[in-house]
Amino acid sequence: MDKTQIIQNTIAFVKETLKDAEGGHDWFHIERVYKNSLLIAKDENVDKFIVSLGALLHDIADAKFYNGDETIGPKMARKFLENQEVDESTIVHVENIINYISFKSSLEKGKKFSSPELDVVQDADRLDAIGAIGIARCFNYGGFKNRALYNPEIPPNLNMTKKEYKKSTAPTINHFYEKLLLLKDKMNTSTGRRIAADRHLYMEQFLAQFFDEWKGVK
């Protein structure tokens, strides 16, 4: 099957699969990651077909919405790609992107998968977690989980294991310090680093305003 047609079929599949997804992990999140992946890929020596499939399928079944089961996403992606007659090496690469893209994977010790295509998609995904949209997604998910906005008596945990991260019920503001503010320095590509710098600054300004308002000084 023609690669362009496979991409179009993948878009249709993801739209249908995520039509009722939580607002921060819906089709529009996927679309933003897909577009930013293609933008970053322009300056990288990568297989754009793998980048496209990895970006489109990276959150097809986010483990946090499946009782922490990290096997469902790769399985769904494989089944779909096999039906599209995609070659085995590409399917395995996409599975690895899904398995290793998340921030929590970086908290895990042991063998890691790496590829330029993962670097690109991971940067695009992390960019969507910071800046104005990142702030919106963060509070949307906090509301979805009925978490407190902020609690001065619960400090951020800056040394979480992957298991602790997955089970965390901390206030939403803590997530900025436990993940979002750390992403700027974890970017893999020059384009990712450039965009992340601006978005990081925006989050710092937001937090300064938030705490001023919390304290009643503004």
N, C-alpha and C. Protein backbone atom coordinates (compact mmCIF):
# COMPACT_ATOMS: atom_id res chain seq x y z
N MET A 1 0.84 -1.20 0.00
CA MET A 1 0.00 0.00 0.00
C MET A 1 0.88 1.25 0.00
N ASP A 2 0.44 2.29 -0.68
CA ASP A 2 1.15 3.55 -0.77
C ASP A 2 1.29 4.18 0.62
N LYS A 3 2.50 4.72 0.93
CA LYS A 3 2.75 5.29 2.25
C LYS A 3 1.81 6.45 2.58
N THR A 4 1.52 7.27 1.58
CA THR A 4 0.61 8.40 1.81
C THR A 4 -0.76 7.89 2.23
N GLN A 5 -1.21 6.82 1.60
CA GLN A 5 -2.51 6.25 1.94
C GLN A 5 -2.49 5.65 3.34
N ILE A 6 -1.36 5.03 3.71
CA ILE A 6 -1.25 4.46 5.06
C ILE A 6 -1.34 5.57 6.11
N ILE A 7 -0.68 6.69 5.85
CA ILE A 7 -0.76 7.83 6.78
C ILE A 7 -2.21 8.32 6.90
N GLN A 8 -2.88 8.44 5.78
CA GLN A 8 -4.28 8.89 5.81
C GLN A 8 -5.16 7.89 6.58
N ASN A 9 -4.92 6.62 6.37
CA ASN A 9 -5.67 5.59 7.10
C ASN A 9 -5.37 5.64 8.59
N THR A 10 -4.12 5.94 8.92
CA THR A 10 -3.73 6.03 10.33
C THR A 10 -4.41 7.21 10.99
N ILE A 11 -4.45 8.33 10.32
CA ILE A 11 -5.15 9.52 10.84
C ILE A 11 -6.61 9.19 11.12
N ALA A 12 -7.27 8.54 10.18
CA ALA A 12 -8.68 8.18 10.35
C ALA A 12 -8.86 7.23 11.53
N PHE A 13 -7.96 6.26 11.66
CA PHE A 13 -8.01 5.30 12.75
C PHE A 13 -7.84 5.98 14.10
N VAL A 14 -6.88 6.88 14.21
CA VAL A 14 -6.62 7.57 15.48
C VAL A 14 -7.78 8.49 15.84
N LYS A 15 -8.30 9.21 14.86
CA LYS A 15 -9.46 10.09 15.12
C LYS A 15 -10.62 9.29 15.70
N GLU A 16 -10.90 8.16 15.11
CA GLU A 16 -12.02 7.33 15.56
C GLU A 16 -11.74 6.73 16.94
N THR A 17 -10.53 6.25 17.15
CA THR A 17 -10.19 5.61 18.41
C THR A 17 -10.22 6.59 19.58
N LEU A 18 -9.82 7.83 19.34
CA LEU A 18 -9.70 8.81 20.42
C LEU A 18 -10.85 9.82 20.45
N LYS A 19 -11.96 9.49 19.81
CA LYS A 19 -13.06 10.47 19.70
C LYS A 19 -13.66 10.86 21.05
N ASP A 20 -13.54 9.98 22.06
CA ASP A 20 -14.08 10.29 23.39
C ASP A 20 -12.98 10.45 24.43
N ALA A 21 -11.76 10.71 23.99
CA ALA A 21 -10.61 10.77 24.91
C ALA A 21 -10.63 12.04 25.76
N GLU A 22 -9.93 11.98 26.89
CA GLU A 22 -9.73 13.15 27.75
C GLU A 22 -9.07 14.26 26.93
N GLY A 23 -9.47 15.52 27.20
CA GLY A 23 -9.11 16.64 26.34
C GLY A 23 -7.63 16.88 26.12
N GLY A 24 -6.78 16.43 27.03
CA GLY A 24 -5.35 16.64 26.86
C GLY A 24 -4.66 15.52 26.11
N HIS A 25 -5.42 14.46 25.83
CA HIS A 25 -4.85 13.30 25.15
C HIS A 25 -5.75 12.85 24.00
N ASP A 26 -6.39 13.81 23.37
CA ASP A 26 -7.35 13.52 22.30
C ASP A 26 -6.69 13.65 20.93
N TRP A 27 -7.51 13.63 19.87
CA TRP A 27 -6.97 13.75 18.51
C TRP A 27 -6.18 15.04 18.33
N PHE A 28 -6.64 16.12 18.93
CA PHE A 28 -5.97 17.41 18.72
C PHE A 28 -4.56 17.40 19.30
N HIS A 29 -4.37 16.69 20.42
CA HIS A 29 -3.01 16.50 20.95
C HIS A 29 -2.17 15.74 19.93
N ILE A 30 -2.71 14.66 19.40
CA ILE A 30 -1.99 13.87 18.41
C ILE A 30 -1.64 14.72 17.19
N GLU A 31 -2.59 15.51 16.74
CA GLU A 31 -2.37 16.34 15.55
C GLU A 31 -1.25 17.35 15.78
N ARG A 32 -1.23 17.95 16.97
CA ARG A 32 -0.15 18.91 17.28
C ARG A 32 1.21 18.21 17.31
N VAL A 33 1.27 17.04 17.93
CA VAL A 33 2.52 16.28 17.99
C VAL A 33 2.95 15.87 16.59
N TYR A 34 2.01 15.46 15.77
CA TYR A 34 2.29 15.06 14.39
C TYR A 34 2.88 16.24 13.60
N LYS A 35 2.25 17.40 13.70
CA LYS A 35 2.72 18.58 12.96
C LYS A 35 4.10 19.03 13.46
N ASN A 36 4.29 19.03 14.78
CA ASN A 36 5.59 19.43 15.32
C ASN A 36 6.67 18.41 14.99
N SER A 37 6.30 17.13 14.91
CA SER A 37 7.25 16.10 14.51
C SER A 37 7.76 16.35 13.10
N LEU A 38 6.85 16.68 12.21
CA LEU A 38 7.24 16.96 10.82
C LEU A 38 8.08 18.22 10.73
N LEU A 39 7.77 19.21 11.56
CA LEU A 39 8.56 20.44 11.60
C LEU A 39 9.98 20.15 12.06
N ILE A 40 10.11 19.41 13.15
CA ILE A 40 11.44 19.08 13.68
C ILE A 40 12.21 18.19 12.70
N ALA A 41 11.49 17.27 12.07
CA ALA A 41 12.12 16.30 11.16
C ALA A 41 12.80 16.95 9.96
N LYS A 42 12.36 18.16 9.61
CA LYS A 42 12.94 18.86 8.47
C LYS A 42 14.45 19.05 8.63
N ASP A 43 14.90 19.21 9.86
CA ASP A 43 16.31 19.47 10.11
C ASP A 43 17.05 18.25 10.65
N GLU A 44 16.41 17.07 10.56
CA GLU A 44 17.03 15.85 11.08
C GLU A 44 17.10 14.79 10.00
N ASN A 45 18.08 13.92 10.10
CA ASN A 45 18.23 12.82 9.15
C ASN A 45 17.42 11.63 9.66
N VAL A 46 16.14 11.60 9.31
CA VAL A 46 15.23 10.58 9.83
C VAL A 46 14.34 10.02 8.73
N ASP A 47 13.73 8.89 9.02
CA ASP A 47 12.72 8.29 8.15
C ASP A 47 11.38 8.95 8.50
N LYS A 48 10.91 9.82 7.65
CA LYS A 48 9.70 10.59 7.95
C LYS A 48 8.44 9.73 8.02
N PHE A 49 8.45 8.59 7.35
CA PHE A 49 7.32 7.68 7.44
C PHE A 49 7.22 7.11 8.85
N ILE A 50 8.34 6.69 9.41
CA ILE A 50 8.36 6.17 10.78
C ILE A 50 8.01 7.29 11.77
N VAL A 51 8.56 8.47 11.55
CA VAL A 51 8.24 9.62 12.40
C VAL A 51 6.74 9.88 12.40
N SER A 52 6.14 9.86 11.22
CA SER A 52 4.71 10.13 11.09
C SER A 52 3.88 9.08 11.83
N LEU A 53 4.20 7.81 11.60
CA LEU A 53 3.45 6.74 12.26
C LEU A 53 3.66 6.77 13.77
N GLY A 54 4.89 7.02 14.20
CA GLY A 54 5.17 7.10 15.63
C GLY A 54 4.41 8.23 16.30
N ALA A 55 4.38 9.39 15.65
CA ALA A 55 3.67 10.54 16.21
C ALA A 55 2.17 10.27 16.27
N LEU A 56 1.63 9.71 15.22
CA LEU A 56 0.18 9.48 15.15
C LEU A 56 -0.29 8.41 16.11
N LEU A 57 0.56 7.43 16.40
CA LEU A 57 0.15 6.29 17.22
C LEU A 57 0.72 6.31 18.64
N HIS A 58 1.47 7.34 18.99
CA HIS A 58 2.19 7.30 20.26
C HIS A 58 1.28 7.25 21.47
N ASP A 59 0.08 7.80 21.37
CA ASP A 59 -0.87 7.82 22.49
C ASP A 59 -2.16 7.09 22.13
N ILE A 60 -2.08 6.09 21.28
CA ILE A 60 -3.30 5.41 20.84
C ILE A 60 -4.02 4.73 22.01
N ALA A 61 -3.26 4.37 23.04
CA ALA A 61 -3.86 3.81 24.26
C ALA A 61 -2.94 4.16 25.43
N ASP A 62 -2.99 5.42 25.85
CA ASP A 62 -2.13 5.89 26.94
C ASP A 62 -2.39 5.06 28.20
N ALA A 63 -1.31 4.54 28.77
CA ALA A 63 -1.44 3.61 29.91
C ALA A 63 -2.20 4.21 31.08
N LYS A 64 -2.12 5.54 31.26
CA LYS A 64 -2.77 6.15 32.41
C LYS A 64 -4.30 6.03 32.35
N PHE A 65 -4.82 5.74 31.15
CA PHE A 65 -6.26 5.55 31.00
C PHE A 65 -6.64 4.07 30.90
N TYR A 66 -5.64 3.21 31.09
CA TYR A 66 -5.86 1.76 31.01
C TYR A 66 -5.25 1.07 32.23
N ASN A 67 -5.50 1.66 33.41
CA ASN A 67 -5.02 1.09 34.67
C ASN A 67 -3.51 0.85 34.67
N GLY A 68 -2.78 1.71 33.98
CA GLY A 68 -1.33 1.62 33.97
C GLY A 68 -0.75 0.57 33.05
N ASP A 69 -1.60 -0.10 32.26
CA ASP A 69 -1.13 -1.16 31.36
C ASP A 69 -0.42 -0.55 30.15
N GLU A 70 0.89 -0.74 30.09
CA GLU A 70 1.70 -0.14 29.03
C GLU A 70 1.81 -1.02 27.78
N THR A 71 1.14 -2.17 27.80
CA THR A 71 1.23 -3.09 26.65
C THR A 71 0.13 -2.86 25.62
N ILE A 72 -0.94 -2.19 26.03
CA ILE A 72 -2.10 -2.06 25.14
C ILE A 72 -1.79 -1.20 23.92
N GLY A 73 -1.13 -0.05 24.13
CA GLY A 73 -0.81 0.84 23.01
C GLY A 73 -0.01 0.17 21.91
N PRO A 74 1.14 -0.44 22.25
CA PRO A 74 1.92 -1.12 21.22
C PRO A 74 1.14 -2.23 20.51
N LYS A 75 0.32 -2.96 21.26
CA LYS A 75 -0.48 -4.04 20.66
C LYS A 75 -1.50 -3.49 19.66
N MET A 76 -2.17 -2.40 20.04
CA MET A 76 -3.15 -1.78 19.13
C MET A 76 -2.46 -1.26 17.88
N ALA A 77 -1.30 -0.62 18.07
CA ALA A 77 -0.55 -0.09 16.93
C ALA A 77 -0.12 -1.21 16.00
N ARG A 78 0.41 -2.30 16.56
CA ARG A 78 0.86 -3.43 15.75
C ARG A 78 -0.30 -4.02 14.94
N LYS A 79 -1.42 -4.25 15.58
CA LYS A 79 -2.56 -4.85 14.88
C LYS A 79 -3.00 -3.97 13.71
N PHE A 80 -3.07 -2.66 13.97
CA PHE A 80 -3.48 -1.74 12.90
C PHE A 80 -2.46 -1.74 11.77
N LEU A 81 -1.18 -1.64 12.09
CA LEU A 81 -0.15 -1.55 11.05
C LEU A 81 -0.02 -2.85 10.27
N GLU A 82 -0.23 -3.97 10.93
CA GLU A 82 -0.24 -5.25 10.20
C GLU A 82 -1.38 -5.29 9.20
N ASN A 83 -2.52 -4.74 9.58
CA ASN A 83 -3.66 -4.68 8.66
C ASN A 83 -3.39 -3.76 7.47
N GLN A 84 -2.45 -2.82 7.68
CA GLN A 84 -2.08 -1.90 6.60
C GLN A 84 -0.91 -2.46 5.77
N GLU A 85 -0.48 -3.67 6.13
CA GLU A 85 0.62 -4.36 5.45
C GLU A 85 1.94 -3.59 5.53
N VAL A 86 2.15 -2.95 6.68
CA VAL A 86 3.41 -2.26 6.94
C VAL A 86 4.47 -3.31 7.27
N ASP A 87 5.71 -3.09 6.84
CA ASP A 87 6.75 -4.09 7.06
C ASP A 87 7.10 -4.23 8.53
N GLU A 88 7.61 -5.40 8.89
CA GLU A 88 7.85 -5.76 10.29
C GLU A 88 8.85 -4.82 10.98
N SER A 89 9.91 -4.43 10.31
CA SER A 89 10.91 -3.57 10.95
C SER A 89 10.32 -2.20 11.30
N THR A 90 9.44 -1.69 10.45
CA THR A 90 8.78 -0.42 10.75
C THR A 90 7.84 -0.57 11.94
N ILE A 91 7.10 -1.67 11.97
CA ILE A 91 6.18 -1.91 13.09
C ILE A 91 6.93 -1.97 14.41
N VAL A 92 8.04 -2.70 14.43
CA VAL A 92 8.85 -2.81 15.65
C VAL A 92 9.37 -1.44 16.07
N HIS A 93 9.79 -0.64 15.11
CA HIS A 93 10.30 0.70 15.42
C HIS A 93 9.20 1.56 16.04
N VAL A 94 8.00 1.50 15.47
CA VAL A 94 6.88 2.28 16.00
C VAL A 94 6.52 1.79 17.41
N GLU A 95 6.52 0.48 17.61
CA GLU A 95 6.27 -0.07 18.95
C GLU A 95 7.27 0.49 19.96
N ASN A 96 8.53 0.55 19.55
CA ASN A 96 9.57 1.07 20.45
C ASN A 96 9.38 2.55 20.75
N ILE A 97 8.94 3.30 19.77
CA ILE A 97 8.65 4.72 20.01
C ILE A 97 7.55 4.84 21.06
N ILE A 98 6.49 4.06 20.92
CA ILE A 98 5.38 4.09 21.88
C ILE A 98 5.87 3.69 23.27
N ASN A 99 6.71 2.68 23.32
CA ASN A 99 7.19 2.15 24.61
C ASN A 99 8.13 3.10 25.34
N TYR A 100 8.91 3.89 24.58
CA TYR A 100 9.98 4.67 25.20
C TYR A 100 9.81 6.18 25.13
N ILE A 101 8.69 6.65 24.60
CA ILE A 101 8.53 8.09 24.40
C ILE A 101 8.25 8.84 25.70
N SER A 102 7.63 8.19 26.68
CA SER A 102 7.10 8.92 27.83
C SER A 102 8.18 9.38 28.80
N PHE A 103 7.84 10.42 29.54
CA PHE A 103 8.74 10.96 30.56
C PHE A 103 9.02 9.91 31.63
N LYS A 104 7.98 9.15 32.00
CA LYS A 104 8.17 8.15 33.06
C LYS A 104 9.17 7.09 32.66
N SER A 105 9.32 6.83 31.36
CA SER A 105 10.32 5.86 30.92
C SER A 105 11.74 6.32 31.25
N SER A 106 11.92 7.64 31.28
CA SER A 106 13.25 8.18 31.59
C SER A 106 13.59 7.99 33.07
N LEU A 107 12.57 7.67 33.90
CA LEU A 107 12.80 7.45 35.32
C LEU A 107 13.21 6.01 35.61
N GLU A 108 13.14 5.18 34.60
CA GLU A 108 13.41 3.76 34.74
C GLU A 108 14.87 3.45 34.42
N LYS A 109 15.48 2.67 35.26
CA LYS A 109 16.87 2.27 35.02
C LYS A 109 16.88 1.06 34.10
N GLY A 110 18.01 0.86 33.41
CA GLY A 110 18.12 -0.31 32.55
C GLY A 110 18.24 0.05 31.09
N LYS A 111 18.12 -0.95 30.25
CA LYS A 111 18.31 -0.78 28.82
C LYS A 111 17.26 0.12 28.21
N LYS A 112 17.71 1.00 27.35
CA LYS A 112 16.81 1.93 26.68
C LYS A 112 16.91 1.74 25.17
N PHE A 113 15.81 2.05 24.49
CA PHE A 113 15.82 2.09 23.03
C PHE A 113 16.11 3.51 22.59
N SER A 114 16.86 3.67 21.53
CA SER A 114 17.10 5.02 21.01
C SER A 114 17.13 4.99 19.49
N SER A 115 16.65 6.07 18.90
CA SER A 115 16.71 6.25 17.45
C SER A 115 16.46 7.71 17.15
N PRO A 116 16.94 8.21 16.02
CA PRO A 116 16.67 9.61 15.65
C PRO A 116 15.17 9.87 15.51
N GLU A 117 14.42 8.86 15.07
CA GLU A 117 12.96 9.03 14.91
C GLU A 117 12.28 9.19 16.28
N LEU A 118 12.71 8.38 17.26
CA LEU A 118 12.20 8.56 18.62
C LEU A 118 12.54 9.94 19.14
N ASP A 119 13.77 10.40 18.92
CA ASP A 119 14.19 11.73 19.37
C ASP A 119 13.24 12.81 18.86
N VAL A 120 12.87 12.72 17.60
CA VAL A 120 12.00 13.72 16.98
C VAL A 120 10.60 13.68 17.59
N VAL A 121 10.01 12.50 17.65
CA VAL A 121 8.64 12.38 18.17
C VAL A 121 8.60 12.71 19.65
N GLN A 122 9.62 12.31 20.39
CA GLN A 122 9.67 12.62 21.81
C GLN A 122 9.75 14.12 22.05
N ASP A 123 10.55 14.81 21.28
CA ASP A 123 10.62 16.28 21.39
C ASP A 123 9.26 16.91 21.11
N ALA A 124 8.60 16.46 20.05
CA ALA A 124 7.30 17.02 19.68
C ALA A 124 6.28 16.77 20.78
N ASP A 125 6.30 15.59 21.36
CA ASP A 125 5.38 15.25 22.44
C ASP A 125 5.67 16.09 23.68
N ARG A 126 6.94 16.28 23.98
CA ARG A 126 7.31 17.08 25.15
C ARG A 126 6.99 18.56 24.96
N LEU A 127 7.10 19.04 23.74
CA LEU A 127 6.72 20.43 23.46
C LEU A 127 5.25 20.66 23.75
N ASP A 128 4.42 19.65 23.51
CA ASP A 128 2.98 19.81 23.76
C ASP A 128 2.65 19.75 25.24
N ALA A 129 3.65 19.40 26.07
CA ALA A 129 3.44 19.35 27.51
C ALA A 129 3.87 20.64 28.20
N ILE A 130 4.45 21.58 27.44
CA ILE A 130 4.93 22.83 28.04
C ILE A 130 4.34 24.03 27.29
N GLY A 131 4.58 25.22 27.83
CA GLY A 131 4.01 26.42 27.21
C GLY A 131 2.54 26.57 27.55
N ALA A 132 1.85 27.39 26.79
CA ALA A 132 0.43 27.69 27.07
C ALA A 132 -0.43 26.43 26.98
N ILE A 133 -0.23 25.65 25.94
CA ILE A 133 -1.02 24.42 25.78
C ILE A 133 -0.64 23.43 26.87
N GLY A 134 0.63 23.35 27.21
CA GLY A 134 1.04 22.46 28.29
C GLY A 134 0.36 22.80 29.61
N ILE A 135 0.27 24.09 29.92
CA ILE A 135 -0.42 24.54 31.13
C ILE A 135 -1.89 24.13 31.08
N ALA A 136 -2.54 24.37 29.93
CA ALA A 136 -3.94 24.01 29.78
C ALA A 136 -4.16 22.51 29.95
N ARG A 137 -3.28 21.72 29.32
CA ARG A 137 -3.41 20.26 29.42
C ARG A 137 -3.18 19.78 30.85
N CYS A 138 -2.23 20.40 31.53
CA CYS A 138 -1.90 20.01 32.90
C CYS A 138 -3.11 20.20 33.82
N PHE A 139 -3.74 21.35 33.74
CA PHE A 139 -4.89 21.61 34.61
C PHE A 139 -6.13 20.84 34.16
N ASN A 140 -6.24 20.59 32.85
CA ASN A 140 -7.36 19.78 32.38
C ASN A 140 -7.28 18.37 32.96
N TYR A 141 -6.07 17.79 32.94
CA TYR A 141 -5.90 16.44 33.49
C TYR A 141 -6.08 16.44 35.01
N GLY A 142 -5.58 17.48 35.67
CA GLY A 142 -5.77 17.58 37.12
C GLY A 142 -7.24 17.62 37.48
N GLY A 143 -8.03 18.36 36.69
CA GLY A 143 -9.48 18.39 36.92
C GLY A 143 -10.12 17.05 36.64
N PHE A 144 -9.66 16.39 35.58
CA PHE A 144 -10.15 15.07 35.20
C PHE A 144 -9.94 14.07 36.34
N LYS A 145 -8.81 14.23 37.08
CA LYS A 145 -8.48 13.34 38.21
C LYS A 145 -8.92 13.92 39.56
N ASN A 146 -9.62 15.06 39.51
CA ASN A 146 -10.13 15.72 40.72
C ASN A 146 -9.01 16.03 41.72
N ARG A 147 -7.90 16.54 41.22
CA ARG A 147 -6.77 16.89 42.07
C ARG A 147 -6.84 18.34 42.50
N ALA A 148 -6.23 18.65 43.64
CA ALA A 148 -6.14 20.03 44.11
C ALA A 148 -5.30 20.84 43.13
N LEU A 149 -5.61 22.13 43.02
CA LEU A 149 -4.77 23.01 42.20
C LEU A 149 -3.37 23.11 42.81
N TYR A 150 -3.35 23.35 44.11
CA TYR A 150 -2.08 23.57 44.81
C TYR A 150 -2.32 23.38 46.30
N ASN A 151 -1.33 22.84 46.97
CA ASN A 151 -1.38 22.70 48.43
C ASN A 151 0.02 22.95 48.97
N PRO A 152 0.23 24.09 49.64
CA PRO A 152 1.57 24.43 50.13
C PRO A 152 2.15 23.38 51.07
N GLU A 153 1.30 22.55 51.66
CA GLU A 153 1.77 21.54 52.61
C GLU A 153 2.25 20.25 51.92
N ILE A 154 2.07 20.17 50.60
CA ILE A 154 2.52 18.99 49.85
C ILE A 154 3.59 19.44 48.86
N PRO A 155 4.86 19.32 49.22
CA PRO A 155 5.93 19.78 48.32
C PRO A 155 6.12 18.82 47.15
N PRO A 156 6.66 19.31 46.04
CA PRO A 156 6.95 18.43 44.90
C PRO A 156 7.96 17.36 45.29
N ASN A 157 7.82 16.18 44.69
CA ASN A 157 8.77 15.08 44.89
C ASN A 157 9.70 15.06 43.69
N LEU A 158 10.92 15.50 43.89
CA LEU A 158 11.85 15.66 42.77
C LEU A 158 12.71 14.42 42.52
N ASN A 159 12.46 13.37 43.26
CA ASN A 159 13.25 12.14 43.09
C ASN A 159 12.36 10.91 42.97
N MET A 160 11.30 11.04 42.19
CA MET A 160 10.36 9.94 42.05
C MET A 160 10.89 8.80 41.19
N THR A 161 10.53 7.60 41.58
CA THR A 161 10.75 6.44 40.71
C THR A 161 9.61 6.40 39.70
N LYS A 162 9.75 5.56 38.68
CA LYS A 162 8.68 5.41 37.70
C LYS A 162 7.38 4.97 38.39
N LYS A 163 7.49 4.04 39.33
CA LYS A 163 6.30 3.53 40.03
C LYS A 163 5.62 4.65 40.82
N GLU A 164 6.41 5.46 41.51
CA GLU A 164 5.86 6.58 42.28
C GLU A 164 5.21 7.60 41.36
N TYR A 165 5.85 7.86 40.23
CA TYR A 165 5.31 8.83 39.27
C TYR A 165 3.94 8.38 38.77
N LYS A 166 3.81 7.11 38.44
CA LYS A 166 2.55 6.60 37.90
C LYS A 166 1.43 6.64 38.93
N LYS A 167 1.77 6.55 40.22
CA LYS A 167 0.75 6.50 41.27
C LYS A 167 0.51 7.85 41.93
N SER A 168 1.22 8.86 41.51
CA SER A 168 1.13 10.17 42.16
C SER A 168 -0.27 10.77 42.08
N THR A 169 -0.72 11.34 43.20
CA THR A 169 -2.00 12.07 43.24
C THR A 169 -1.77 13.49 43.72
N ALA A 170 -0.57 13.99 43.53
CA ALA A 170 -0.18 15.31 44.04
C ALA A 170 -0.96 16.43 43.35
N PRO A 171 -1.01 17.61 43.99
CA PRO A 171 -1.67 18.77 43.37
C PRO A 171 -1.06 19.10 42.01
N THR A 172 -1.87 19.71 41.16
CA THR A 172 -1.46 19.97 39.78
C THR A 172 -0.20 20.83 39.69
N ILE A 173 -0.08 21.85 40.53
CA ILE A 173 1.11 22.72 40.47
C ILE A 173 2.39 21.92 40.68
N ASN A 174 2.34 20.87 41.48
CA ASN A 174 3.54 20.06 41.71
C ASN A 174 4.07 19.45 40.42
N HIS A 175 3.16 19.17 39.48
CA HIS A 175 3.55 18.52 38.23
C HIS A 175 4.50 19.40 37.42
N PHE A 176 4.40 20.72 37.60
CA PHE A 176 5.32 21.62 36.90
C PHE A 176 6.76 21.33 37.34
N TYR A 177 6.95 21.13 38.64
CA TYR A 177 8.29 20.93 39.18
C TYR A 177 8.76 19.48 39.03
N GLU A 178 7.82 18.55 39.01
CA GLU A 178 8.16 17.13 38.90
C GLU A 178 8.38 16.68 37.46
N LYS A 179 7.86 17.48 36.50
CA LYS A 179 8.04 17.10 35.09
C LYS A 179 8.22 18.28 34.15
N LEU A 180 7.22 19.17 34.08
CA LEU A 180 7.16 20.14 32.99
C LEU A 180 8.37 21.07 32.91
N LEU A 181 8.85 21.54 34.04
CA LEU A 181 10.00 22.45 34.03
C LEU A 181 11.31 21.72 33.75
N LEU A 182 11.27 20.39 33.78
CA LEU A 182 12.48 19.61 33.51
C LEU A 182 12.65 19.29 32.03
N LEU A 183 11.59 19.49 31.26
CA LEU A 183 11.60 19.02 29.87
C LEU A 183 12.51 19.84 28.96
N LYS A 184 12.67 21.13 29.24
CA LYS A 184 13.52 21.98 28.39
C LYS A 184 14.92 21.39 28.24
N ASP A 185 15.45 20.87 29.32
CA ASP A 185 16.82 20.35 29.30
C ASP A 185 16.90 18.88 28.85
N LYS A 186 15.75 18.33 28.49
CA LYS A 186 15.73 16.94 28.01
C LYS A 186 15.46 16.85 26.51
N MET A 187 15.42 17.99 25.83
CA MET A 187 15.17 17.97 24.40
C MET A 187 16.33 17.35 23.63
N ASN A 188 16.01 16.65 22.59
CA ASN A 188 17.01 15.91 21.81
C ASN A 188 17.54 16.67 20.60
N THR A 189 16.75 17.57 20.05
CA THR A 189 17.09 18.23 18.78
C THR A 189 17.24 19.73 18.96
N SER A 190 17.95 20.35 18.03
CA SER A 190 18.15 21.80 18.10
C SER A 190 16.83 22.55 17.94
N THR A 191 15.96 22.07 17.06
CA THR A 191 14.64 22.71 16.88
C THR A 191 13.82 22.57 18.15
N GLY A 192 13.83 21.39 18.74
CA GLY A 192 13.10 21.16 19.98
C GLY A 192 13.59 22.07 21.09
N ARG A 193 14.91 22.21 21.20
CA ARG A 193 15.48 23.07 22.25
C ARG A 193 15.09 24.53 22.05
N ARG A 194 15.09 24.97 20.79
CA ARG A 194 14.75 26.37 20.50
C ARG A 194 13.30 26.68 20.88
N ILE A 195 12.38 25.81 20.49
CA ILE A 195 10.96 26.04 20.80
C ILE A 195 10.72 25.89 22.30
N ALA A 196 11.38 24.91 22.90
CA ALA A 196 11.18 24.66 24.33
C ALA A 196 11.61 25.84 25.19
N ALA A 197 12.65 26.55 24.78
CA ALA A 197 13.14 27.68 25.57
C ALA A 197 12.06 28.74 25.75
N ASP A 198 11.35 29.05 24.68
CA ASP A 198 10.27 30.05 24.75
C ASP A 198 9.12 29.55 25.61
N ARG A 199 8.75 28.29 25.44
CA ARG A 199 7.62 27.75 26.19
C ARG A 199 7.95 27.61 27.67
N HIS A 200 9.20 27.30 27.97
CA HIS A 200 9.65 27.19 29.35
C HIS A 200 9.53 28.56 30.05
N LEU A 201 9.98 29.59 29.38
CA LEU A 201 9.90 30.94 29.94
C LEU A 201 8.45 31.32 30.23
N TYR A 202 7.55 30.95 29.33
CA TYR A 202 6.13 31.25 29.52
C TYR A 202 5.61 30.56 30.78
N MET A 203 6.02 29.33 31.02
CA MET A 203 5.57 28.62 32.23
C MET A 203 6.12 29.27 33.49
N GLU A 204 7.37 29.72 33.44
CA GLU A 204 7.95 30.39 34.60
C GLU A 204 7.19 31.67 34.93
N GLN A 205 6.80 32.41 33.89
CA GLN A 205 6.02 33.63 34.10
C GLN A 205 4.65 33.31 34.68
N PHE A 206 4.04 32.24 34.18
CA PHE A 206 2.73 31.83 34.69
C PHE A 206 2.83 31.47 36.17
N LEU A 207 3.85 30.70 36.54
CA LEU A 207 3.99 30.28 37.93
C LEU A 207 4.24 31.47 38.86
N ALA A 208 5.03 32.42 38.40
CA ALA A 208 5.27 33.63 39.21
C ALA A 208 3.96 34.36 39.46
N GLN A 209 3.14 34.50 38.42
CA GLN A 209 1.84 35.14 38.56
C GLN A 209 0.92 34.33 39.46
N PHE A 210 0.92 33.02 39.28
CA PHE A 210 0.07 32.13 40.09
C PHE A 210 0.37 32.31 41.58
N PHE A 211 1.65 32.27 41.93
CA PHE A 211 2.00 32.36 43.35
C PHE A 211 1.76 33.75 43.92
N ASP A 212 1.93 34.78 43.11
CA ASP A 212 1.58 36.14 43.57
C ASP A 212 0.10 36.24 43.87
N GLU A 213 -0.71 35.67 42.99
CA GLU A 213 -2.16 35.69 43.22
C GLU A 213 -2.55 34.82 44.41
N TRP A 214 -1.88 33.68 44.58
CA TRP A 214 -2.17 32.79 45.70
C TRP A 214 -1.89 33.49 47.03
N LYS A 215 -0.79 34.26 47.05
CA LYS A 215 -0.41 34.97 48.28
C LYS A 215 -1.20 36.26 48.47
N GLY A 216 -1.93 36.68 47.44
CA GLY A 216 -2.72 37.90 47.54
C GLY A 216 -1.94 39.17 47.33
N VAL A 217 -0.80 39.09 46.63
CA VAL A 217 -0.02 40.28 46.37
C VAL A 217 -0.35 40.93 45.04
N LYS A 218 -1.11 40.24 44.22
CA LYS A 218 -1.52 40.82 42.94
C LYS A 218 -3.00 40.54 42.70
